[in-house]
C-alpha atoms as a PDB file:
ATOM      1  CA  MET A   1      -5.259  -3.849  28.477  1.00  0.00           C
ATOM      2  CA  LYS A   2      -2.351  -3.826  26.050  1.00  0.00           C
ATOM      3  CA  ILE A   3      -2.208  -0.883  23.653  1.00  0.00           C
ATOM      4  CA  LYS A   4      -2.359  -2.104  20.053  1.00  0.00           C
ATOM      5  CA  MET A   5      -2.662   1.230  18.241  1.00  0.00           C
ATOM      6  CA  VAL A   6      -1.135   4.629  19.036  1.00  0.00           C
ATOM      7  CA  ILE A   7      -2.507   7.720  17.312  1.00  0.00           C
ATOM      8  CA  PHE A   8      -0.160  10.693  17.103  1.00  0.00           C
ATOM      9  CA  ASP A   9      -0.978  14.330  16.527  1.00  0.00           C
ATOM     10  CA  LEU A  10       1.627  15.885  14.218  1.00  0.00           C
ATOM     11  CA  ASP A  11       2.456  19.519  15.054  1.00  0.00           C
ATOM     12  CA  GLY A  12       3.891  19.925  18.527  1.00  0.00           C
ATOM     13  CA  THR A  13       3.843  16.148  19.082  1.00  0.00           C
ATOM     14  CA  LEU A  14       5.943  14.542  16.353  1.00  0.00           C
ATOM     15  CA  LEU A  15       6.928  17.774  14.637  1.00  0.00           C
ATOM     16  CA  ASN A  16       8.793  20.441  16.600  1.00  0.00           C
ATOM     17  CA  SER A  17       6.809  23.270  15.042  1.00  0.00           C
ATOM     18  CA  THR A  18       5.004  25.160  17.804  1.00  0.00           C
ATOM     19  CA  LYS A  19       7.431  27.742  19.161  1.00  0.00           C
ATOM     20  CA  GLU A  20       9.062  28.500  15.814  1.00  0.00           C
ATOM     21  CA  GLY A  21       5.691  28.368  14.065  1.00  0.00           C
ATOM     22  CA  MET A  22       4.215  31.007  16.345  1.00  0.00           C
ATOM     23  CA  GLN A  23       7.284  33.184  15.851  1.00  0.00           C
ATOM     24  CA  ASN A  24       6.957  32.811  12.080  1.00  0.00           C
ATOM     25  CA  HIS A  25       3.345  33.976  12.190  1.00  0.00           C
ATOM     26  CA  GLN A  26       4.476  37.050  14.092  1.00  0.00           C
ATOM     27  CA  LYS A  27       7.416  37.613  11.736  1.00  0.00           C
ATOM     28  CA  LEU A  28       5.242  37.478   8.638  1.00  0.00           C
ATOM     29  CA  ALA A  29       2.633  39.826  10.110  1.00  0.00           C
ATOM     30  CA  ARG A  30       5.440  42.264  10.865  1.00  0.00           C
ATOM     31  CA  GLU A  31       6.774  42.015   7.303  1.00  0.00           C
ATOM     32  CA  LEU A  32       3.305  42.597   5.854  1.00  0.00           C
ATOM     33  CA  GLY A  33       2.776  45.627   8.079  1.00  0.00           C
ATOM     34  CA  ILE A  34      -0.327  44.275   9.798  1.00  0.00           C
ATOM     35  CA  LYS A  35      -1.057  43.936  13.508  1.00  0.00           C
ATOM     36  CA  ILE A  36       1.197  41.313  15.077  1.00  0.00           C
ATOM     37  CA  PRO A  37      -0.625  38.615  17.082  1.00  0.00           C
ATOM     38  CA  THR A  38       0.713  38.057  20.594  1.00  0.00           C
ATOM     39  CA  LEU A  39       1.936  34.653  21.709  1.00  0.00           C
ATOM     40  CA  GLU A  40      -1.003  34.510  24.115  1.00  0.00           C
ATOM     41  CA  LEU A  41      -3.411  35.021  21.232  1.00  0.00           C
ATOM     42  CA  LEU A  42      -1.680  32.416  19.064  1.00  0.00           C
ATOM     43  CA  LYS A  43      -1.838  29.861  21.887  1.00  0.00           C
ATOM     44  CA  GLN A  44      -5.596  30.350  22.199  1.00  0.00           C
ATOM     45  CA  ASP A  45      -6.296  28.695  18.847  1.00  0.00           C
ATOM     46  CA  TRP A  46      -3.075  26.827  18.116  1.00  0.00           C
ATOM     47  CA  GLY A  47      -3.914  23.297  17.056  1.00  0.00           C
ATOM     48  CA  ASN A  48      -6.881  24.302  14.933  1.00  0.00           C
ATOM     49  CA  SER A  49      -6.733  23.758  11.170  1.00  0.00           C
ATOM     50  CA  TRP A  50      -4.411  26.412   9.755  1.00  0.00           C
ATOM     51  CA  LEU A  51      -6.983  28.350   7.721  1.00  0.00           C
ATOM     52  CA  LYS A  52      -9.295  28.510  10.742  1.00  0.00           C
ATOM     53  CA  LEU A  53      -6.365  29.734  12.832  1.00  0.00           C
ATOM     54  CA  VAL A  54      -5.706  32.516  10.310  1.00  0.00           C
ATOM     55  CA  ASP A  55      -9.407  33.437  10.332  1.00  0.00           C
ATOM     56  CA  PHE A  56      -9.214  33.639  14.133  1.00  0.00           C
ATOM     57  CA  LEU A  57      -6.103  35.837  14.019  1.00  0.00           C
ATOM     58  CA  ALA A  58      -7.609  38.075  11.344  1.00  0.00           C
ATOM     59  CA  GLN A  59     -10.718  38.614  13.425  1.00  0.00           C
ATOM     60  CA  LYS A  60      -8.855  39.298  16.677  1.00  0.00           C
ATOM     61  CA  CYS A  61      -6.210  41.510  15.027  1.00  0.00           C
ATOM     62  CA  ASN A  62      -8.631  43.284  12.674  1.00  0.00           C
ATOM     63  CA  TRP A  63      -6.810  42.256   9.523  1.00  0.00           C
ATOM     64  CA  PRO A  64      -8.745  43.410   6.428  1.00  0.00           C
ATOM     65  CA  GLU A  65      -9.678  40.634   3.977  1.00  0.00           C
ATOM     66  CA  ARG A  66      -6.981  41.720   1.536  1.00  0.00           C
ATOM     67  CA  GLU A  67      -4.248  41.509   4.171  1.00  0.00           C
ATOM     68  CA  LYS A  68      -5.543  38.186   5.446  1.00  0.00           C
ATOM     69  CA  ASN A  69      -5.398  36.718   1.945  1.00  0.00           C
ATOM     70  CA  ALA A  70      -1.890  38.135   1.466  1.00  0.00           C
ATOM     71  CA  PHE A  71      -0.854  36.460   4.723  1.00  0.00           C
ATOM     72  CA  ILE A  72      -2.282  33.110   3.571  1.00  0.00           C
ATOM     73  CA  GLU A  73      -0.603  33.292   0.179  1.00  0.00           C
ATOM     74  CA  ARG A  74       2.803  34.320   1.494  1.00  0.00           C
ATOM     75  CA  TYR A  75       2.858  31.848   4.388  1.00  0.00           C
ATOM     76  CA  SER A  76       1.837  29.036   2.032  1.00  0.00           C
ATOM     77  CA  GLN A  77       4.802  29.879  -0.192  1.00  0.00           C
ATOM     78  CA  LEU A  78       7.242  30.073   2.708  1.00  0.00           C
ATOM     79  CA  SER A  79       6.009  26.801   4.214  1.00  0.00           C
ATOM     80  CA  LYS A  80       7.795  24.986   1.397  1.00  0.00           C
ATOM     81  CA  SER A  81      11.175  26.545   2.083  1.00  0.00           C
ATOM     82  CA  GLU A  82      12.001  28.972   4.896  1.00  0.00           C
ATOM     83  CA  MET A  83       9.213  28.018   7.297  1.00  0.00           C
ATOM     84  CA  ARG A  84       9.717  24.261   7.506  1.00  0.00           C
ATOM     85  CA  TYR A  85      10.143  22.426  10.780  1.00  0.00           C
ATOM     86  CA  ASN A  86      11.990  19.346  12.003  1.00  0.00           C
ATOM     87  CA  PHE A  87      10.688  16.270  13.770  1.00  0.00           C
ATOM     88  CA  PHE A  88      11.682  15.891  17.406  1.00  0.00           C
ATOM     89  CA  PRO A  89      15.071  14.132  17.662  1.00  0.00           C
ATOM     90  CA  ASP A  90      13.621  10.926  19.148  1.00  0.00           C
ATOM     91  CA  ALA A  91      10.566  10.755  16.848  1.00  0.00           C
ATOM     92  CA  LYS A  92      11.845   8.314  14.243  1.00  0.00           C
ATOM     93  CA  LYS A  93      13.395   5.998  16.839  1.00  0.00           C
ATOM     94  CA  VAL A  94      10.244   5.892  18.963  1.00  0.00           C
ATOM     95  CA  LEU A  95       7.979   5.277  15.977  1.00  0.00           C
ATOM     96  CA  LEU A  96      10.127   2.416  14.683  1.00  0.00           C
ATOM     97  CA  GLU A  97      10.381   0.823  18.133  1.00  0.00           C
ATOM     98  CA  LEU A  98       6.604   0.860  18.527  1.00  0.00           C
ATOM     99  CA  VAL A  99       6.169  -0.761  15.119  1.00  0.00           C
ATOM    100  CA  GLU A 100       8.771  -3.397  15.992  1.00  0.00           C
ATOM    101  CA  LYS A 101       6.697  -4.263  19.064  1.00  0.00           C
ATOM    102  CA  GLY A 102       3.700  -4.909  16.837  1.00  0.00           C
ATOM    103  CA  ILE A 103       1.890  -1.686  17.703  1.00  0.00           C
ATOM    104  CA  LYS A 104       0.168   0.050  14.805  1.00  0.00           C
ATOM    105  CA  ILE A 105       0.884   3.781  14.549  1.00  0.00           C
ATOM    106  CA  VAL A 106      -1.367   6.453  13.075  1.00  0.00           C
ATOM    107  CA  ILE A 107      -1.140  10.182  12.374  1.00  0.00           C
ATOM    108  CA  LEU A 108      -4.202  12.329  13.074  1.00  0.00           C
ATOM    109  CA  SER A 109      -3.598  15.962  12.173  1.00  0.00           C
ATOM    110  CA  SER A 110      -5.455  19.144  11.261  1.00  0.00           C
ATOM    111  CA  ARG A 111      -2.676  19.750   8.737  1.00  0.00           C
ATOM    112  CA  VAL A 112      -3.491  18.600   5.189  1.00  0.00           C
ATOM    113  CA  ARG A 113      -2.256  15.137   4.292  1.00  0.00           C
ATOM    114  CA  GLU A 114      -1.264  15.979   0.740  1.00  0.00           C
ATOM    115  CA  SER A 115      -1.061  19.326  -1.098  1.00  0.00           C
ATOM    116  CA  LYS A 116       0.815  21.178  -3.820  1.00  0.00           C
ATOM    117  CA  LYS A 117       0.061  24.546  -2.217  1.00  0.00           C
ATOM    118  CA  VAL A 118       1.461  24.084   1.293  1.00  0.00           C
ATOM    119  CA  PHE A 119       3.924  21.747   3.018  1.00  0.00           C
ATOM    120  CA  SER A 120       1.770  18.749   3.925  1.00  0.00           C
ATOM    121  CA  ILE A 121       2.019  15.746   6.231  1.00  0.00           C
ATOM    122  CA  LEU A 122       3.479  13.604   3.445  1.00  0.00           C
ATOM    123  CA  ASN A 123       5.934  16.364   2.520  1.00  0.00           C
ATOM    124  CA  TYR A 124       7.164  16.456   6.120  1.00  0.00           C
ATOM    125  CA  LEU A 125       7.616  12.689   6.283  1.00  0.00           C
ATOM    126  CA  ASP A 126       9.675  12.790   3.078  1.00  0.00           C
ATOM    127  CA  PHE A 127      11.645  15.784   4.357  1.00  0.00           C
ATOM    128  CA  ALA A 128      12.520  13.888   7.561  1.00  0.00           C
ATOM    129  CA  GLY A 129      13.322  10.632   5.811  1.00  0.00           C
ATOM    130  CA  ILE A 130      10.496   8.797   7.561  1.00  0.00           C
ATOM    131  CA  ASP A 131       8.865   6.116   5.427  1.00  0.00           C
ATOM    132  CA  LYS A 132       5.109   6.769   5.326  1.00  0.00           C
ATOM    133  CA  LYS A 133       4.575   3.014   5.068  1.00  0.00           C
ATOM    134  CA  ILE A 134       5.387   2.559   8.761  1.00  0.00           C
ATOM    135  CA  PHE A 135       2.065   4.252   9.514  1.00  0.00           C
ATOM    136  CA  SER A 136      -1.038   2.116   9.290  1.00  0.00           C
ATOM    137  CA  PHE A 137      -3.214   5.178   8.676  1.00  0.00           C
ATOM    138  CA  ILE A 138      -2.553   8.869   8.002  1.00  0.00           C
ATOM    139  CA  GLN A 139      -5.494  11.245   8.409  1.00  0.00           C
ATOM    140  CA  GLY A 140      -5.233  14.884   7.405  1.00  0.00           C
ATOM    141  CA  ALA A 141      -7.727  17.744   7.365  1.00  0.00           C
ATOM    142  CA  GLU A 142      -9.123  16.755   3.968  1.00  0.00           C
ATOM    143  CA  ASP A 143      -9.863  13.138   4.915  1.00  0.00           C
ATOM    144  CA  CYS A 144     -12.687  13.600   7.416  1.00  0.00           C
ATOM    145  CA  LYS A 145     -15.545  16.100   7.531  1.00  0.00           C
ATOM    146  CA  PHE A 146     -14.955  16.443  11.268  1.00  0.00           C
ATOM    147  CA  LEU A 147     -11.947  18.224  12.779  1.00  0.00           C
ATOM    148  CA  LYS A 148     -10.622  18.340  16.312  1.00  0.00           C
ATOM    149  CA  PRO A 149     -12.004  18.987  18.919  1.00  0.00           C
ATOM    150  CA  ASP A 150     -15.028  17.141  17.469  1.00  0.00           C
ATOM    151  CA  HIS A 151     -14.663  13.613  18.827  1.00  0.00           C
ATOM    152  CA  ARG A 152     -16.034  12.220  15.556  1.00  0.00           C
ATOM    153  CA  VAL A 153     -12.631  12.976  14.050  1.00  0.00           C
ATOM    154  CA  PHE A 154     -11.650   9.489  15.326  1.00  0.00           C
ATOM    155  CA  SER A 155     -14.444   7.723  13.426  1.00  0.00           C
ATOM    156  CA  LEU A 156     -12.446   6.744  10.319  1.00  0.00           C
ATOM    157  CA  ILE A 157      -9.538   5.467  12.388  1.00  0.00           C
ATOM    158  CA  VAL A 158     -11.813   3.370  14.603  1.00  0.00           C
ATOM    159  CA  GLU A 159     -13.472   1.791  11.571  1.00  0.00           C
ATOM    160  CA  TYR A 160     -10.051   1.036  10.099  1.00  0.00           C
ATOM    161  CA  ALA A 161      -8.857  -0.485  13.382  1.00  0.00           C
ATOM    162  CA  LYS A 162     -11.776  -2.922  13.428  1.00  0.00           C
ATOM    163  CA  GLU A 163     -10.259  -4.617  10.381  1.00  0.00           C
ATOM    164  CA  PHE A 164      -7.452  -5.764  12.695  1.00  0.00           C
ATOM    165  CA  SER A 165      -9.744  -6.532  15.648  1.00  0.00           C
ATOM    166  CA  ILE A 166      -8.388  -3.515  17.501  1.00  0.00           C
ATOM    167  CA  PHE A 167     -10.969  -1.902  19.738  1.00  0.00           C
ATOM    168  CA  GLN A 168     -11.342   1.491  21.351  1.00  0.00           C
ATOM    169  CA  ASP A 169      -9.907   0.468  24.722  1.00  0.00           C
ATOM    170  CA  GLU A 170      -6.774  -0.799  22.957  1.00  0.00           C
ATOM    171  CA  MET A 171      -6.052   2.566  21.359  1.00  0.00           C
ATOM    172  CA  LEU A 172      -4.238   5.624  22.726  1.00  0.00           C
ATOM    173  CA  TYR A 173      -3.876   9.173  21.465  1.00  0.00           C
ATOM    174  CA  VAL A 174      -0.806  11.381  21.998  1.00  0.00           C
ATOM    175  CA  GLY A 175      -1.216  15.148  21.563  1.00  0.00           C
ATOM    176  CA  ASP A 176       0.071  18.511  22.760  1.00  0.00           C
ATOM    177  CA  THR A 177      -3.021  20.688  23.281  1.00  0.00           C
ATOM    178  CA  VAL A 178      -5.841  20.690  25.777  1.00  0.00           C
ATOM    179  CA  LYS A 179      -8.316  22.514  23.544  1.00  0.00           C
ATOM    180  CA  TYR A 180      -8.010  20.282  20.492  1.00  0.00           C
ATOM    181  CA  ASP A 181      -6.333  17.017  21.547  1.00  0.00           C
ATOM    182  CA  LEU A 182      -7.338  16.256  25.133  1.00  0.00           C
ATOM    183  CA  VAL A 183     -10.902  17.518  24.644  1.00  0.00           C
ATOM    184  CA  SER A 184     -11.490  15.362  21.559  1.00  0.00           C
ATOM    185  CA  ALA A 185      -9.961  12.303  23.276  1.00  0.00           C
ATOM    186  CA  ASP A 186     -12.082  12.784  26.416  1.00  0.00           C
ATOM    187  CA  LYS A 187     -15.273  13.159  24.417  1.00  0.00           C
ATOM    188  CA  PHE A 188     -14.654  10.058  22.321  1.00  0.00           C
ATOM    189  CA  PRO A 189     -13.426   8.620  24.788  1.00  0.00           C
ATOM    190  CA  ILE A 190      -9.950   7.267  24.152  1.00  0.00           C
ATOM    191  CA  ASP A 191      -6.911   7.038  26.434  1.00  0.00           C
ATOM    192  CA  PHE A 192      -4.643  10.064  26.154  1.00  0.00           C
ATOM    193  CA  ILE A 193      -1.074  11.166  26.852  1.00  0.00           C
ATOM    194  CA  GLY A 194      -0.351  14.896  26.869  1.00  0.00           C
ATOM    195  CA  MET A 195       2.995  16.218  25.638  1.00  0.00           C
ATOM    196  CA  VAL A 196       4.240  19.566  26.944  1.00  0.00           C
ATOM    197  CA  SER A 197       6.346  20.050  23.826  1.00  0.00           C
ATOM    198  CA  GLY A 198       3.757  22.152  22.043  1.00  0.00           C
ATOM    199  CA  ALA A 199       1.026  24.667  22.816  1.00  0.00           C
ATOM    200  CA  SER A 200      -0.190  23.478  26.238  1.00  0.00           C
ATOM    201  CA  GLU A 201       1.886  23.423  29.416  1.00  0.00           C
ATOM    202  CA  GLU A 202       1.794  20.928  32.281  1.00  0.00           C
ATOM    203  CA  LYS A 203      -0.422  23.220  34.346  1.00  0.00           C
ATOM    204  CA  ASP A 204      -2.925  23.394  31.482  1.00  0.00           C
ATOM    205  CA  PHE A 205      -3.248  19.610  31.311  1.00  0.00           C
ATOM    206  CA  LEU A 206      -3.476  19.339  35.100  1.00  0.00           C
ATOM    207  CA  GLN A 207      -6.212  21.978  35.241  1.00  0.00           C
ATOM    208  CA  ALA A 208      -8.103  20.045  32.582  1.00  0.00           C
ATOM    209  CA  GLY A 209      -8.001  16.943  34.781  1.00  0.00           C
ATOM    210  CA  LEU A 210      -5.268  14.897  33.096  1.00  0.00           C
ATOM    211  CA  PRO A 211      -3.283  12.897  35.699  1.00  0.00           C
ATOM    212  CA  ARG A 212       0.341  13.960  36.092  1.00  0.00           C
ATOM    213  CA  LEU A 213       1.466  10.431  35.195  1.00  0.00           C
ATOM    214  CA  LYS A 214       0.016  10.927  31.709  1.00  0.00           C
ATOM    215  CA  ILE A 215       1.863  14.192  31.050  1.00  0.00           C
ATOM    216  CA  VAL A 216       5.250  13.840  29.358  1.00  0.00           C
ATOM    217  CA  LYS A 217       8.042  16.008  27.997  1.00  0.00           C
ATOM    218  CA  SER A 218       9.143  13.757  25.148  1.00  0.00           C
ATOM    219  CA  LEU A 219       8.076  10.966  22.840  1.00  0.00           C
ATOM    220  CA  THR A 220      10.522   8.679  24.624  1.00  0.00           C
ATOM    221  CA  GLU A 221       8.637   9.251  27.883  1.00  0.00           C
ATOM    222  CA  ALA A 222       5.349   8.637  26.080  1.00  0.00           C
ATOM    223  CA  LYS A 223       6.665   5.317  24.747  1.00  0.00           C
ATOM    224  CA  GLU A 224       7.672   4.231  28.252  1.00  0.00           C
ATOM    225  CA  ILE A 225       4.113   4.831  29.472  1.00  0.00           C
ATOM    226  CA  ILE A 226       2.613   3.018  26.478  1.00  0.00           C
ATOM    227  CA  GLU A 227       4.773  -0.040  27.197  1.00  0.00           C
ATOM    228  CA  LYS A 228       3.420  -0.182  30.764  1.00  0.00           C
ATOM    229  CA  PHE A 229      -0.236  -0.392  29.739  1.00  0.00           C
END
């Protein structure tokens, strides 16, 4: 079955934000004088919506409510300037090549689509010089009452796809985490490609049952698999 729609996670998949993002969370905790979360702890909930991630860190690190709120406020400010991330070098090329082949592309992210308080999906597209119009659908945290790993997070996209006579078995999801991306795709179900450019490693995807042939290191490799479907 030919793939007619590819759904991309944003952070760690299109946006090279995982390693530096984790380091920035540690850096800010250090500056605020609160307990610094370990990388292992950050990986446990990385991929969740950001406020839920901060709640998780606050609970595990025993941050008082005042310090947690200070962390949220300061990180939100810095996300617009010092703590911004770049798209992977091949992202724009891969996206445009898929569109040229007639494949519809979608973003599905737990990051907010549009916001004046934090750097949003649309802000990042503008920052990278990627025209948002190349995407058929952009879904952020505020657009659906369900968030990953709830498989119902795909519901709006599936309904949209029906307008173009694109069905579930003609769609594919590309993401970088087992806990939030692979789990939601498996539950839906929808075909999945795992990228080891973010929070989960190859061994994590293999342990979760994803075939090695569907685990890639780059968007270029993901595109090559998509073209073989």
